[in-house]
Amino acid sequence: MKLGAFSISLAVKDIVASRDFYEKFGFTVFGGNQAQNWLIMKNEGTLIGLFQGMFEGNMLTFNPGWDSNAKNLDAFDDVREIQRHLKSHGVQLSTEVDENTTGPASLTTTDPDGNQILIDQHR
């Protein structure tokens, strides 16, 4: 199964302080909008998302159809295919994709330790 780009999405209290902190580790702003309280930061192939006030807890994020530079991949598994695979293997989903749609969509689940997982397709 091809899940695409991987990042960890961090629920931060202060986006300015978090940006400053991660810049000390060599991360630079790669995308997002600080005025809207979200940034994507990158250090080589490592991506982190900083999100202030958007969700509780941290989550693992996968973006089908994108590489780690947010460039479109020629071949990828659509989020609906991923959803069918997960459900056929007994994974309980918190939110699901409407199977009758195409294009951008997302699903969420939680691993056995309570970690949230977001599979978020943008194309």
PDB file of N, CA and C in Angstrom:
ATOM      1  N   MET A   1       0.853  -1.173   0.000  1.00  0.00           N
ATOM      2  CA  MET A   1       0.000   0.000   0.000  1.00  0.00           C
ATOM      3  C   MET A   1       0.897   1.233   0.000  1.00  0.00           C
ATOM      4  N   LYS A   2       0.596   2.194  -0.864  1.00  0.00           N
ATOM      5  CA  LYS A   2       1.370   3.427  -0.970  1.00  0.00           C
ATOM      6  C   LYS A   2       0.632   4.536  -0.220  1.00  0.00           C
ATOM      7  N   LEU A   3       1.218   4.989   0.892  1.00  0.00           N
ATOM      8  CA  LEU A   3       0.578   6.007   1.724  1.00  0.00           C
ATOM      9  C   LEU A   3       1.028   7.426   1.396  1.00  0.00           C
ATOM     10  N   GLY A   4       2.076   7.585   0.603  1.00  0.00           N
ATOM     11  CA  GLY A   4       2.538   8.915   0.233  1.00  0.00           C
ATOM     12  C   GLY A   4       3.420   9.548   1.286  1.00  0.00           C
ATOM     13  N   ALA A   5       3.483  10.870   1.259  1.00  0.00           N
ATOM     14  CA  ALA A   5       4.346  11.620   2.174  1.00  0.00           C
ATOM     15  C   ALA A   5       3.927  11.379   3.617  1.00  0.00           C
ATOM     16  N   PHE A   6       4.903  11.335   4.503  1.00  0.00           N
ATOM     17  CA  PHE A   6       4.646  11.155   5.927  1.00  0.00           C
ATOM     18  C   PHE A   6       5.108  12.373   6.701  1.00  0.00           C
ATOM     19  N   SER A   7       4.309  12.775   7.677  1.00  0.00           N
ATOM     20  CA  SER A   7       4.713  13.822   8.610  1.00  0.00           C
ATOM     21  C   SER A   7       4.039  13.549   9.943  1.00  0.00           C
ATOM     22  N   ILE A   8       4.535  14.212  10.947  1.00  0.00           N
ATOM     23  CA  ILE A   8       3.835  14.197  12.229  1.00  0.00           C
ATOM     24  C   ILE A   8       3.203  15.570  12.380  1.00  0.00           C
ATOM     25  N   SER A   9       1.936  15.579  12.734  1.00  0.00           N
ATOM     26  CA  SER A   9       1.198  16.823  12.941  1.00  0.00           C
ATOM     27  C   SER A   9       1.133  17.070  14.440  1.00  0.00           C
ATOM     28  N   LEU A  10       1.721  18.168  14.862  1.00  0.00           N
ATOM     29  CA  LEU A  10       1.800  18.494  16.277  1.00  0.00           C
ATOM     30  C   LEU A  10       0.771  19.543  16.656  1.00  0.00           C
ATOM     31  N   ALA A  11       0.003  19.268  17.693  1.00  0.00           N
ATOM     32  CA  ALA A  11      -0.927  20.245  18.256  1.00  0.00           C
ATOM     33  C   ALA A  11      -0.110  21.125  19.192  1.00  0.00           C
ATOM     34  N   VAL A  12       0.159  22.352  18.778  1.00  0.00           N
ATOM     35  CA  VAL A  12       1.030  23.236  19.557  1.00  0.00           C
ATOM     36  C   VAL A  12       0.223  24.315  20.269  1.00  0.00           C
ATOM     37  N   LYS A  13       0.775  24.812  21.361  1.00  0.00           N
ATOM     38  CA  LYS A  13       0.119  25.871  22.139  1.00  0.00           C
ATOM     39  C   LYS A  13       0.417  27.255  21.595  1.00  0.00           C
ATOM     40  N   ASP A  14       1.625  27.446  21.065  1.00  0.00           N
ATOM     41  CA  ASP A  14       2.072  28.753  20.577  1.00  0.00           C
ATOM     42  C   ASP A  14       2.874  28.519  19.304  1.00  0.00           C
ATOM     43  N   ILE A  15       2.291  28.818  18.166  1.00  0.00           N
ATOM     44  CA  ILE A  15       2.933  28.507  16.890  1.00  0.00           C
ATOM     45  C   ILE A  15       4.238  29.262  16.699  1.00  0.00           C
ATOM     46  N   VAL A  16       4.324  30.485  17.217  1.00  0.00           N
ATOM     47  CA  VAL A  16       5.558  31.262  17.087  1.00  0.00           C
ATOM     48  C   VAL A  16       6.680  30.604  17.889  1.00  0.00           C
ATOM     49  N   ALA A  17       6.387  30.229  19.128  1.00  0.00           N
ATOM     50  CA  ALA A  17       7.393  29.577  19.969  1.00  0.00           C
ATOM     51  C   ALA A  17       7.796  28.227  19.381  1.00  0.00           C
ATOM     52  N   SER A  18       6.830  27.486  18.840  1.00  0.00           N
ATOM     53  CA  SER A  18       7.137  26.181  18.249  1.00  0.00           C
ATOM     54  C   SER A  18       7.976  26.334  16.988  1.00  0.00           C
ATOM     55  N   ARG A  19       7.647  27.312  16.164  1.00  0.00           N
ATOM     56  CA  ARG A  19       8.445  27.557  14.956  1.00  0.00           C
ATOM     57  C   ARG A  19       9.884  27.874  15.340  1.00  0.00           C
ATOM     58  N   ASP A  20      10.041  28.769  16.284  1.00  0.00           N
ATOM     59  CA  ASP A  20      11.372  29.157  16.742  1.00  0.00           C
ATOM     60  C   ASP A  20      12.137  27.938  17.259  1.00  0.00           C
ATOM     61  N   PHE A  21      11.473  27.110  18.043  1.00  0.00           N
ATOM     62  CA  PHE A  21      12.101  25.918  18.609  1.00  0.00           C
ATOM     63  C   PHE A  21      12.579  24.978  17.512  1.00  0.00           C
ATOM     64  N   TYR A  22      11.730  24.655  16.553  1.00  0.00           N
ATOM     65  CA  TYR A  22      12.100  23.693  15.520  1.00  0.00           C
ATOM     66  C   TYR A  22      13.090  24.261  14.516  1.00  0.00           C
ATOM     67  N   GLU A  23      13.126  25.577  14.354  1.00  0.00           N
ATOM     68  CA  GLU A  23      14.156  26.186  13.509  1.00  0.00           C
ATOM     69  C   GLU A  23      15.544  25.940  14.100  1.00  0.00           C
ATOM     70  N   LYS A  24      15.642  25.837  15.416  1.00  0.00           N
ATOM     71  CA  LYS A  24      16.924  25.550  16.065  1.00  0.00           C
ATOM     72  C   LYS A  24      17.417  24.139  15.740  1.00  0.00           C
ATOM     73  N   PHE A  25      16.514  23.267  15.304  1.00  0.00           N
ATOM     74  CA  PHE A  25      16.875  21.917  14.884  1.00  0.00           C
ATOM     75  C   PHE A  25      17.155  21.850  13.383  1.00  0.00           C
ATOM     76  N   GLY A  26      17.106  22.987  12.711  1.00  0.00           N
ATOM     77  CA  GLY A  26      17.380  23.021  11.283  1.00  0.00           C
ATOM     78  C   GLY A  26      16.156  22.929  10.395  1.00  0.00           C
ATOM     79  N   PHE A  27      14.959  22.945  10.977  1.00  0.00           N
ATOM     80  CA  PHE A  27      13.739  22.947  10.170  1.00  0.00           C
ATOM     81  C   PHE A  27      13.504  24.337   9.602  1.00  0.00           C
ATOM     82  N   THR A  28      12.975  24.388   8.389  1.00  0.00           N
ATOM     83  CA  THR A  28      12.581  25.652   7.771  1.00  0.00           C
ATOM     84  C   THR A  28      11.123  25.543   7.346  1.00  0.00           C
ATOM     85  N   VAL A  29      10.478  26.688   7.237  1.00  0.00           N
ATOM     86  CA  VAL A  29       9.075  26.697   6.813  1.00  0.00           C
ATOM     87  C   VAL A  29       9.005  26.236   5.364  1.00  0.00           C
ATOM     88  N   PHE A  30       8.163  25.253   5.129  1.00  0.00           N
ATOM     89  CA  PHE A  30       7.994  24.648   3.811  1.00  0.00           C
ATOM     90  C   PHE A  30       6.629  25.011   3.222  1.00  0.00           C
ATOM     91  N   GLY A  31       5.660  25.258   4.096  1.00  0.00           N
ATOM     92  CA  GLY A  31       4.315  25.580   3.643  1.00  0.00           C
ATOM     93  C   GLY A  31       3.474  26.030   4.816  1.00  0.00           C
ATOM     94  N   GLY A  32       2.229  26.335   4.524  1.00  0.00           N
ATOM     95  CA  GLY A  32       1.307  26.740   5.569  1.00  0.00           C
ATOM     96  C   GLY A  32       1.111  28.235   5.638  1.00  0.00           C
ATOM     97  N   ASN A  33       0.483  28.666   6.728  1.00  0.00           N
ATOM     98  CA  ASN A  33       0.173  30.079   6.917  1.00  0.00           C
ATOM     99  C   ASN A  33       0.177  30.360   8.418  1.00  0.00           C
ATOM    100  N   GLN A  34       1.222  30.993   8.884  1.00  0.00           N
ATOM    101  CA  GLN A  34       1.354  31.254  10.314  1.00  0.00           C
ATOM    102  C   GLN A  34       0.197  32.096  10.839  1.00  0.00           C
ATOM    103  N   ALA A  35      -0.317  33.036  10.040  1.00  0.00           N
ATOM    104  CA  ALA A  35      -1.452  33.863  10.462  1.00  0.00           C
ATOM    105  C   ALA A  35      -2.709  33.022  10.680  1.00  0.00           C
ATOM    106  N   GLN A  36      -2.790  31.863  10.017  1.00  0.00           N
ATOM    107  CA  GLN A  36      -3.911  30.942  10.197  1.00  0.00           C
ATOM    108  C   GLN A  36      -3.580  29.846  11.207  1.00  0.00           C
ATOM    109  N   ASN A  37      -2.448  29.967  11.874  1.00  0.00           N
ATOM    110  CA  ASN A  37      -2.004  29.061  12.939  1.00  0.00           C
ATOM    111  C   ASN A  37      -1.626  27.661  12.469  1.00  0.00           C
ATOM    112  N   TRP A  38      -1.052  27.557  11.272  1.00  0.00           N
ATOM    113  CA  TRP A  38      -0.519  26.272  10.837  1.00  0.00           C
ATOM    114  C   TRP A  38       0.678  26.461   9.920  1.00  0.00           C
ATOM    115  N   LEU A  39       1.694  25.627  10.137  1.00  0.00           N
ATOM    116  CA  LEU A  39       2.908  25.644   9.330  1.00  0.00           C
ATOM    117  C   LEU A  39       3.351  24.212   9.069  1.00  0.00           C
ATOM    118  N   ILE A  40       3.938  24.001   7.901  1.00  0.00           N
ATOM    119  CA  ILE A  40       4.605  22.747   7.596  1.00  0.00           C
ATOM    120  C   ILE A  40       6.090  23.096   7.553  1.00  0.00           C
ATOM    121  N   MET A  41       6.882  22.347   8.312  1.00  0.00           N
ATOM    122  CA  MET A  41       8.315  22.615   8.380  1.00  0.00           C
ATOM    123  C   MET A  41       9.070  21.381   7.903  1.00  0.00           C
ATOM    124  N   LYS A  42      10.255  21.618   7.324  1.00  0.00           N
ATOM    125  CA  LYS A  42      10.996  20.535   6.710  1.00  0.00           C
ATOM    126  C   LYS A  42      12.471  20.633   7.061  1.00  0.00           C
ATOM    127  N   ASN A  43      13.071  19.474   7.288  1.00  0.00           N
ATOM    128  CA  ASN A  43      14.511  19.330   7.450  1.00  0.00           C
ATOM    129  C   ASN A  43      14.888  18.126   6.604  1.00  0.00           C
ATOM    130  N   GLU A  44      15.489  18.377   5.461  1.00  0.00           N
ATOM    131  CA  GLU A  44      15.778  17.348   4.459  1.00  0.00           C
ATOM    132  C   GLU A  44      14.487  16.605   4.128  1.00  0.00           C
ATOM    133  N   GLY A  45      14.410  15.297   4.373  1.00  0.00           N
ATOM    134  CA  GLY A  45      13.212  14.533   4.046  1.00  0.00           C
ATOM    135  C   GLY A  45      12.209  14.439   5.184  1.00  0.00           C
ATOM    136  N   THR A  46      12.481  15.115   6.303  1.00  0.00           N
ATOM    137  CA  THR A  46      11.620  15.029   7.479  1.00  0.00           C
ATOM    138  C   THR A  46      10.643  16.199   7.512  1.00  0.00           C
ATOM    139  N   LEU A  47       9.360  15.875   7.666  1.00  0.00           N
ATOM    140  CA  LEU A  47       8.313  16.889   7.703  1.00  0.00           C
ATOM    141  C   LEU A  47       7.603  16.874   9.046  1.00  0.00           C
ATOM    142  N   ILE A  48       7.327  18.064   9.576  1.00  0.00           N
ATOM    143  CA  ILE A  48       6.465  18.204  10.747  1.00  0.00           C
ATOM    144  C   ILE A  48       5.450  19.296  10.442  1.00  0.00           C
ATOM    145  N   GLY A  49       4.259  19.123  10.946  1.00  0.00           N
ATOM    146  CA  GLY A  49       3.232  20.146  10.836  1.00  0.00           C
ATOM    147  C   GLY A  49       2.990  20.727  12.220  1.00  0.00           C
ATOM    148  N   LEU A  50       2.900  22.032  12.305  1.00  0.00           N
ATOM    149  CA  LEU A  50       2.589  22.719  13.558  1.00  0.00           C
ATOM    150  C   LEU A  50       1.188  23.301  13.416  1.00  0.00           C
ATOM    151  N   PHE A  51       0.289  22.918  14.305  1.00  0.00           N
ATOM    152  CA  PHE A  51      -1.104  23.331  14.219  1.00  0.00           C
ATOM    153  C   PHE A  51      -1.556  23.845  15.583  1.00  0.00           C
ATOM    154  N   GLN A  52      -1.854  25.125  15.658  1.00  0.00           N
ATOM    155  CA  GLN A  52      -2.312  25.723  16.907  1.00  0.00           C
ATOM    156  C   GLN A  52      -3.835  25.820  16.915  1.00  0.00           C
ATOM    157  N   GLY A  53      -4.459  25.147  17.893  1.00  0.00           N
ATOM    158  CA  GLY A  53      -5.900  25.253  18.080  1.00  0.00           C
ATOM    159  C   GLY A  53      -6.752  24.519  17.062  1.00  0.00           C
ATOM    160  N   MET A  54      -6.203  23.597  16.323  1.00  0.00           N
ATOM    161  CA  MET A  54      -6.965  22.920  15.276  1.00  0.00           C
ATOM    162  C   MET A  54      -7.423  21.523  15.656  1.00  0.00           C
ATOM    163  N   PHE A  55      -6.698  20.856  16.527  1.00  0.00           N
ATOM    164  CA  PHE A  55      -7.081  19.519  16.981  1.00  0.00           C
ATOM    165  C   PHE A  55      -6.350  19.232  18.280  1.00  0.00           C
ATOM    166  N   GLU A  56      -6.844  18.220  18.989  1.00  0.00           N
ATOM    167  CA  GLU A  56      -6.213  17.816  20.244  1.00  0.00           C
ATOM    168  C   GLU A  56      -5.255  16.674  19.990  1.00  0.00           C
ATOM    169  N   GLY A  57      -4.120  16.722  20.631  1.00  0.00           N
ATOM    170  CA  GLY A  57      -3.154  15.637  20.508  1.00  0.00           C
ATOM    171  C   GLY A  57      -2.413  15.664  19.188  1.00  0.00           C
ATOM    172  N   ASN A  58      -1.334  14.936  19.149  1.00  0.00           N
ATOM    173  CA  ASN A  58      -0.522  14.834  17.941  1.00  0.00           C
ATOM    174  C   ASN A  58      -1.037  13.690  17.082  1.00  0.00           C
ATOM    175  N   MET A  59      -0.742  13.746  15.790  1.00  0.00           N
ATOM    176  CA  MET A  59      -1.169  12.648  14.925  1.00  0.00           C
ATOM    177  C   MET A  59      -0.160  12.386  13.827  1.00  0.00           C
ATOM    178  N   LEU A  60      -0.135  11.134  13.407  1.00  0.00           N
ATOM    179  CA  LEU A  60       0.653  10.730  12.260  1.00  0.00           C
ATOM    180  C   LEU A  60      -0.152  11.076  11.018  1.00  0.00           C
ATOM    181  N   THR A  61       0.495  11.666  10.025  1.00  0.00           N
ATOM    182  CA  THR A  61      -0.218  12.087   8.827  1.00  0.00           C
ATOM    183  C   THR A  61       0.441  11.500   7.584  1.00  0.00           C
ATOM    184  N   PHE A  62      -0.377  10.953   6.709  1.00  0.00           N
ATOM    185  CA  PHE A  62       0.071  10.425   5.425  1.00  0.00           C
ATOM    186  C   PHE A  62      -0.703  11.162   4.332  1.00  0.00           C
ATOM    187  N   ASN A  63      -0.008  11.505   3.243  1.00  0.00           N
ATOM    188  CA  ASN A  63      -0.632  12.208   2.130  1.00  0.00           C
ATOM    189  C   ASN A  63      -0.485  11.409   0.834  1.00  0.00           C
ATOM    190  N   PRO A  64      -1.467  10.526   0.545  1.00  0.00           N
ATOM    191  CA  PRO A  64      -1.407   9.784  -0.717  1.00  0.00           C
ATOM    192  C   PRO A  64      -1.343  10.747  -1.906  1.00  0.00           C
ATOM    193  N   GLY A  65      -0.521  10.401  -2.879  1.00  0.00           N
ATOM    194  CA  GLY A  65      -0.414  11.223  -4.082  1.00  0.00           C
ATOM    195  C   GLY A  65       0.678  12.257  -4.029  1.00  0.00           C
ATOM    196  N   TRP A  66       1.327  12.423  -2.865  1.00  0.00           N
ATOM    197  CA  TRP A  66       2.406  13.408  -2.726  1.00  0.00           C
ATOM    198  C   TRP A  66       3.689  12.731  -2.296  1.00  0.00           C
ATOM    199  N   ASP A  67       4.826  13.303  -2.735  1.00  0.00           N
ATOM    200  CA  ASP A  67       6.105  12.916  -2.169  1.00  0.00           C
ATOM    201  C   ASP A  67       6.432  13.895  -1.037  1.00  0.00           C
ATOM    202  N   SER A  68       7.611  13.792  -0.449  1.00  0.00           N
ATOM    203  CA  SER A  68       7.940  14.636   0.702  1.00  0.00           C
ATOM    204  C   SER A  68       8.173  16.096   0.337  1.00  0.00           C
ATOM    205  N   ASN A  69       8.126  16.421  -0.953  1.00  0.00           N
ATOM    206  CA  ASN A  69       8.214  17.813  -1.398  1.00  0.00           C
ATOM    207  C   ASN A  69       6.852  18.349  -1.840  1.00  0.00           C
ATOM    208  N   ALA A  70       5.780  17.622  -1.495  1.00  0.00           N
ATOM    209  CA  ALA A  70       4.414  17.973  -1.879  1.00  0.00           C
ATOM    210  C   ALA A  70       4.252  18.015  -3.399  1.00  0.00           C
ATOM    211  N   LYS A  71       5.048  17.214  -4.080  1.00  0.00           N
ATOM    212  CA  LYS A  71       4.939  17.078  -5.537  1.00  0.00           C
ATOM    213  C   LYS A  71       4.052  15.871  -5.830  1.00  0.00           C
ATOM    214  N   ASN A  72       3.228  16.013  -6.857  1.00  0.00           N
ATOM    215  CA  ASN A  72       2.331  14.928  -7.234  1.00  0.00           C
ATOM    216  C   ASN A  72       3.101  13.712  -7.714  1.00  0.00           C
ATOM    217  N   LEU A  73       2.665  12.549  -7.229  1.00  0.00           N
ATOM    218  CA  LEU A  73       3.223  11.283  -7.680  1.00  0.00           C
ATOM    219  C   LEU A  73       2.410  10.766  -8.862  1.00  0.00           C
ATOM    220  N   ASP A  74       3.078  10.145  -9.817  1.00  0.00           N
ATOM    221  CA  ASP A  74       2.370   9.582 -10.963  1.00  0.00           C
ATOM    222  C   ASP A  74       1.469   8.424 -10.539  1.00  0.00           C
ATOM    223  N   ALA A  75       1.994   7.578  -9.676  1.00  0.00           N
ATOM    224  CA  ALA A  75       1.224   6.412  -9.224  1.00  0.00           C
ATOM    225  C   ALA A  75       1.077   6.460  -7.710  1.00  0.00           C
ATOM    226  N   PHE A  76      -0.143   6.275  -7.252  1.00  0.00           N
ATOM    227  CA  PHE A  76      -0.392   6.244  -5.810  1.00  0.00           C
ATOM    228  C   PHE A  76      -1.694   5.516  -5.556  1.00  0.00           C
ATOM    229  N   ASP A  77      -1.855   5.066  -4.324  1.00  0.00           N
ATOM    230  CA  ASP A  77      -3.098   4.412  -3.927  1.00  0.00           C
ATOM    231  C   ASP A  77      -4.072   5.476  -3.431  1.00  0.00           C
ATOM    232  N   ASP A  78      -5.211   5.558  -4.064  1.00  0.00           N
ATOM    233  CA  ASP A  78      -6.248   6.506  -3.674  1.00  0.00           C
ATOM    234  C   ASP A  78      -6.705   6.211  -2.246  1.00  0.00           C
ATOM    235  N   VAL A  79      -7.065   7.246  -1.529  1.00  0.00           N
ATOM    236  CA  VAL A  79      -7.499   7.090  -0.137  1.00  0.00           C
ATOM    237  C   VAL A  79      -8.667   6.108  -0.013  1.00  0.00           C
ATOM    238  N   ARG A  80      -9.503   5.999  -1.042  1.00  0.00           N
ATOM    239  CA  ARG A  80     -10.625   5.061  -0.999  1.00  0.00           C
ATOM    240  C   ARG A  80     -10.129   3.614  -1.057  1.00  0.00           C
ATOM    241  N   GLU A  81      -9.059   3.382  -1.850  1.00  0.00           N
ATOM    242  CA  GLU A  81      -8.443   2.050  -1.889  1.00  0.00           C
ATOM    243  C   GLU A  81      -7.831   1.723  -0.530  1.00  0.00           C
ATOM    244  N   ILE A  82      -7.165   2.682   0.052  1.00  0.00           N
ATOM    245  CA  ILE A  82      -6.560   2.495   1.371  1.00  0.00           C
ATOM    246  C   ILE A  82      -7.643   2.186   2.397  1.00  0.00           C
ATOM    247  N   GLN A  83      -8.742   2.927   2.329  1.00  0.00           N
ATOM    248  CA  GLN A  83      -9.854   2.692   3.255  1.00  0.00           C
ATOM    249  C   GLN A  83     -10.399   1.273   3.113  1.00  0.00           C
ATOM    250  N   ARG A  84     -10.616   0.824   1.885  1.00  0.00           N
ATOM    251  CA  ARG A  84     -11.120  -0.540   1.665  1.00  0.00           C
ATOM    252  C   ARG A  84     -10.154  -1.573   2.240  1.00  0.00           C
ATOM    253  N   HIS A  85      -8.871  -1.358   2.024  1.00  0.00           N
ATOM    254  CA  HIS A  85      -7.865  -2.274   2.543  1.00  0.00           C
ATOM    255  C   HIS A  85      -7.906  -2.320   4.078  1.00  0.00           C
ATOM    256  N   LEU A  86      -7.902  -1.150   4.708  1.00  0.00           N
ATOM    257  CA  LEU A  86      -7.917  -1.103   6.172  1.00  0.00           C
ATOM    258  C   LEU A  86      -9.163  -1.766   6.743  1.00  0.00           C
ATOM    259  N   LYS A  87     -10.316  -1.448   6.173  1.00  0.00           N
ATOM    260  CA  LYS A  87     -11.567  -2.032   6.666  1.00  0.00           C
ATOM    261  C   LYS A  87     -11.587  -3.555   6.469  1.00  0.00           C
ATOM    262  N   SER A  88     -11.044  -4.027   5.350  1.00  0.00           N
ATOM    263  CA  SER A  88     -11.022  -5.473   5.104  1.00  0.00           C
ATOM    264  C   SER A  88     -10.102  -6.202   6.079  1.00  0.00           C
ATOM    265  N   HIS A  89      -9.204  -5.452   6.711  1.00  0.00           N
ATOM    266  CA  HIS A  89      -8.302  -6.021   7.709  1.00  0.00           C
ATOM    267  C   HIS A  89      -8.756  -5.704   9.132  1.00  0.00           C
ATOM    268  N   GLY A  90      -9.990  -5.244   9.283  1.00  0.00           N
ATOM    269  CA  GLY A  90     -10.561  -5.041  10.608  1.00  0.00           C
ATOM    270  C   GLY A  90     -10.187  -3.767  11.318  1.00  0.00           C
ATOM    271  N   VAL A  91      -9.596  -2.810  10.615  1.00  0.00           N
ATOM    272  CA  VAL A  91      -9.248  -1.534  11.243  1.00  0.00           C
ATOM    273  C   VAL A  91     -10.509  -0.691  11.395  1.00  0.00           C
ATOM    274  N   GLN A  92     -10.775  -0.252  12.611  1.00  0.00           N
ATOM    275  CA  GLN A  92     -11.918   0.623  12.882  1.00  0.00           C
ATOM    276  C   GLN A  92     -11.539   2.060  12.517  1.00  0.00           C
ATOM    277  N   LEU A  93     -12.343   2.707  11.705  1.00  0.00           N
ATOM    278  CA  LEU A  93     -12.079   4.080  11.291  1.00  0.00           C
ATOM    279  C   LEU A  93     -12.918   5.043  12.117  1.00  0.00           C
ATOM    280  N   SER A  94     -12.319   6.166  12.481  1.00  0.00           N
ATOM    281  CA  SER A  94     -13.035   7.224  13.213  1.00  0.00           C
ATOM    282  C   SER A  94     -13.868   8.059  12.253  1.00  0.00           C
ATOM    283  N   THR A  95     -13.277   8.367  11.095  1.00  0.00           N
ATOM    284  CA  THR A  95     -13.999   9.046  10.016  1.00  0.00           C
ATOM    285  C   THR A  95     -13.675   8.301   8.732  1.00  0.00           C
ATOM    286  N   GLU A  96     -14.620   8.324   7.801  1.00  0.00           N
ATOM    287  CA  GLU A  96     -14.453   7.591   6.554  1.00  0.00           C
ATOM    288  C   GLU A  96     -14.644   8.501   5.353  1.00  0.00           C
ATOM    289  N   VAL A  97     -14.148   8.024   4.215  1.00  0.00           N
ATOM    290  CA  VAL A  97     -14.313   8.695   2.932  1.00  0.00           C
ATOM    291  C   VAL A  97     -15.577   8.157   2.285  1.00  0.00           C
ATOM    292  N   ASP A  98     -16.341   9.027   1.644  1.00  0.00           N
ATOM    293  CA  ASP A  98     -17.496   8.594   0.860  1.00  0.00           C
ATOM    294  C   ASP A  98     -16.967   7.869  -0.374  1.00  0.00           C
ATOM    295  N   GLU A  99     -17.273   6.605  -0.491  1.00  0.00           N
ATOM    296  CA  GLU A  99     -16.783   5.768  -1.596  1.00  0.00           C
ATOM    297  C   GLU A  99     -17.302   6.238  -2.958  1.00  0.00           C
ATOM    298  N   ASN A 100     -18.340   7.043  -2.974  1.00  0.00           N
ATOM    299  CA  ASN A 100     -18.932   7.511  -4.235  1.00  0.00           C
ATOM    300  C   ASN A 100     -18.327   8.805  -4.737  1.00  0.00           C
ATOM    301  N   THR A 101     -17.220   9.238  -4.119  1.00  0.00           N
ATOM    302  CA  THR A 101     -16.566  10.480  -4.521  1.00  0.00           C
ATOM    303  C   THR A 101     -15.224  10.175  -5.156  1.00  0.00           C
ATOM    304  N   THR A 102     -14.615  11.201  -5.718  1.00  0.00           N
ATOM    305  CA  THR A 102     -13.250  11.118  -6.232  1.00  0.00           C
ATOM    306  C   THR A 102     -12.502  12.353  -5.757  1.00  0.00           C
ATOM    307  N   GLY A 103     -11.191  12.318  -5.890  1.00  0.00           N
ATOM    308  CA  GLY A 103     -10.385  13.484  -5.551  1.00  0.00           C
ATOM    309  C   GLY A 103     -10.066  13.597  -4.073  1.00  0.00           C
ATOM    310  N   PRO A 104      -9.845  14.834  -3.606  1.00  0.00           N
ATOM    311  CA  PRO A 104      -9.418  15.053  -2.224  1.00  0.00           C
ATOM    312  C   PRO A 104     -10.401  14.473  -1.209  1.00  0.00           C
ATOM    313  N   ALA A 105      -9.829  13.835  -0.186  1.00  0.00           N
ATOM    314  CA  ALA A 105     -10.642  13.253   0.888  1.00  0.00           C
ATOM    315  C   ALA A 105      -9.697  12.783   1.985  1.00  0.00           C
ATOM    316  N   SER A 106     -10.266  12.507   3.147  1.00  0.00           N
ATOM    317  CA  SER A 106      -9.426  12.029   4.240  1.00  0.00           C
ATOM    318  C   SER A 106     -10.192  11.046   5.114  1.00  0.00           C
ATOM    319  N   LEU A 107      -9.425  10.254   5.845  1.00  0.00           N
ATOM    320  CA  LEU A 107      -9.984   9.344   6.841  1.00  0.00           C
ATOM    321  C   LEU A 107      -9.107   9.423   8.079  1.00  0.00           C
ATOM    322  N   THR A 108      -9.657   9.017   9.214  1.00  0.00           N
ATOM    323  CA  THR A 108      -8.886   8.982  10.447  1.00  0.00           C
ATOM    324  C   THR A 108      -9.135   7.668  11.173  1.00  0.00           C
ATOM    325  N   THR A 109      -8.147   7.286  11.946  1.00  0.00           N
ATOM    326  CA  THR A 109      -8.238   6.114  12.803  1.00  0.00           C
ATOM    327  C   THR A 109      -7.325   6.346  13.996  1.00  0.00           C
ATOM    328  N   THR A 110      -7.336   5.424  14.918  1.00  0.00           N
ATOM    329  CA  THR A 110      -6.496   5.510  16.108  1.00  0.00           C
ATOM    330  C   THR A 110      -5.802   4.170  16.302  1.00  0.00           C
ATOM    331  N   ASP A 111      -4.506   4.210  16.569  1.00  0.00           N
ATOM    332  CA  ASP A 111      -3.783   2.952  16.770  1.00  0.00           C
ATOM    333  C   ASP A 111      -4.056   2.401  18.172  1.00  0.00           C
ATOM    334  N   PRO A 112      -3.589   1.201  18.478  1.00  0.00           N
ATOM    335  CA  PRO A 112      -3.895   0.585  19.776  1.00  0.00           C
ATOM    336  C   PRO A 112      -3.413   1.381  20.987  1.00  0.00           C
ATOM    337  N   ASP A 113      -2.464   2.300  20.785  1.00  0.00           N
ATOM    338  CA  ASP A 113      -1.948   3.106  21.890  1.00  0.00           C
ATOM    339  C   ASP A 113      -2.593   4.483  21.983  1.00  0.00           C
ATOM    340  N   GLY A 114      -3.615   4.721  21.161  1.00  0.00           N
ATOM    341  CA  GLY A 114      -4.325   5.986  21.207  1.00  0.00           C
ATOM    342  C   GLY A 114      -3.768   7.072  20.308  1.00  0.00           C
ATOM    343  N   ASN A 115      -2.776   6.748  19.473  1.00  0.00           N
ATOM    344  CA  ASN A 115      -2.225   7.726  18.542  1.00  0.00           C
ATOM    345  C   ASN A 115      -3.169   7.895  17.357  1.00  0.00           C
ATOM    346  N   GLN A 116      -3.477   9.144  17.048  1.00  0.00           N
ATOM    347  CA  GLN A 116      -4.353   9.419  15.917  1.00  0.00           C
ATOM    348  C   GLN A 116      -3.571   9.297  14.612  1.00  0.00           C
ATOM    349  N   ILE A 117      -4.240   8.789  13.578  1.00  0.00           N
ATOM    350  CA  ILE A 117      -3.648   8.670  12.254  1.00  0.00           C
ATOM    351  C   ILE A 117      -4.611   9.330  11.262  1.00  0.00           C
ATOM    352  N   LEU A 118      -4.064  10.239  10.465  1.00  0.00           N
ATOM    353  CA  LEU A 118      -4.810  10.936   9.424  1.00  0.00           C
ATOM    354  C   LEU A 118      -4.243  10.543   8.078  1.00  0.00           C
ATOM    355  N   ILE A 119      -5.101  10.085   7.185  1.00  0.00           N
ATOM    356  CA  ILE A 119      -4.711   9.844   5.805  1.00  0.00           C
ATOM    357  C   ILE A 119      -5.466  10.883   4.988  1.00  0.00           C
ATOM    358  N   ASP A 120      -4.706  11.859   4.485  1.00  0.00           N
ATOM    359  CA  ASP A 120      -5.269  13.094   3.928  1.00  0.00           C
ATOM    360  C   ASP A 120      -4.785  13.273   2.493  1.00  0.00           C
ATOM    361  N   GLN A 121      -5.655  12.972   1.546  1.00  0.00           N
ATOM    362  CA  GLN A 121      -5.336  13.072   0.115  1.00  0.00           C
ATOM    363  C   GLN A 121      -5.773  14.424  -0.402  1.00  0.00           C
ATOM    364  N   HIS A 122      -4.839  15.139  -1.072  1.00  0.00           N
ATOM    365  CA  HIS A 122      -5.114  16.493  -1.539  1.00  0.00           C
ATOM    366  C   HIS A 122      -5.435  16.591  -3.027  1.00  0.00           C
ATOM    367  N   ARG A 123      -5.416  15.473  -3.736  1.00  0.00           N
ATOM    368  CA  ARG A 123      -5.696  15.539  -5.182  1.00  0.00           C
ATOM    369  C   ARG A 123      -6.563  14.396  -5.625  1.00  0.00           C
TER     370      ARG A 123
END
